[in-house]
Amino acid sequence: MNKKAAIFACRFTGWVGILLSLLFWQIYGPVGLVIGWIGSMLWFGLAWYFQRSIDAQ
């Protein structure tokens, strides 16, 4: 697996998740916003993990 591509994909998905959390906010209220943020943070965390594994090499 190309880790740089995985990092890009995770970060891109994180930003899309943040945008979707705004939609969830309109549909589900504050709970939807928080759930969207948590989902986005998981993607950003995965990108950070991959980046750290590249830097360690």
Protein backbone atom coordinates (compact mmCIF):
# COMPACT_ATOMS: atom_id res chain seq x y z
CA MET A 1 0.00 0.00 0.00
CA ASN A 2 1.25 3.44 -0.85
CA LYS A 3 1.22 5.20 2.51
CA LYS A 4 1.33 8.70 1.06
CA ALA A 5 -1.82 7.96 -0.93
CA ALA A 6 -3.44 6.53 2.19
CA ILE A 7 -2.56 9.68 4.15
CA PHE A 8 -4.09 11.85 1.43
CA ALA A 9 -7.23 9.71 1.31
CA CYS A 10 -7.65 9.79 5.09
CA ARG A 11 -7.23 13.55 5.25
CA PHE A 12 -9.59 14.08 2.32
CA THR A 13 -12.19 11.85 3.95
CA GLY A 14 -11.74 13.75 7.20
CA TRP A 15 -12.51 17.08 5.50
CA VAL A 16 -15.51 15.59 3.71
CA GLY A 17 -16.68 14.27 7.08
CA ILE A 18 -16.44 17.74 8.60
CA LEU A 19 -18.57 19.12 5.77
CA LEU A 20 -21.08 16.31 6.21
CA SER A 21 -21.22 16.98 9.94
CA LEU A 22 -22.68 20.39 9.07
CA LEU A 23 -25.43 18.57 7.18
CA PHE A 24 -25.92 16.22 10.12
CA TRP A 25 -26.22 19.28 12.34
CA GLN A 26 -29.13 20.52 10.24
CA ILE A 27 -30.83 17.10 10.20
CA TYR A 28 -30.09 15.67 13.66
CA GLY A 29 -29.14 18.74 15.68
CA PRO A 30 -26.06 19.11 17.90
CA VAL A 31 -25.78 15.35 18.38
CA GLY A 32 -25.28 14.89 14.63
CA LEU A 33 -22.61 17.59 14.60
CA VAL A 34 -20.65 15.94 17.40
CA ILE A 35 -20.94 12.49 15.83
CA GLY A 36 -19.69 13.89 12.52
CA TRP A 37 -16.73 15.54 14.25
CA ILE A 38 -15.85 12.31 16.04
CA GLY A 39 -15.95 10.41 12.75
CA SER A 40 -13.72 13.01 11.10
CA MET A 41 -11.25 12.90 13.97
CA LEU A 42 -10.95 9.13 13.50
CA TRP A 43 -9.90 9.68 9.87
CA PHE A 44 -7.44 12.43 10.84
CA GLY A 45 -6.06 10.16 13.56
CA LEU A 46 -5.52 7.37 11.05
CA ALA A 47 -3.69 9.79 8.74
CA TRP A 48 -1.53 10.91 11.67
CA TYR A 49 -0.72 7.26 12.46
CA PHE A 50 0.34 6.58 8.87
CA GLN A 51 2.41 9.79 8.78
CA ARG A 52 4.14 8.83 12.00
CA SER A 53 4.97 5.38 10.63
CA ILE A 54 6.55 6.97 7.54
CA ASP A 55 8.59 9.40 9.65
CA ALA A 56 9.86 6.56 11.85
CA GLN A 57 11.44 4.78 8.90
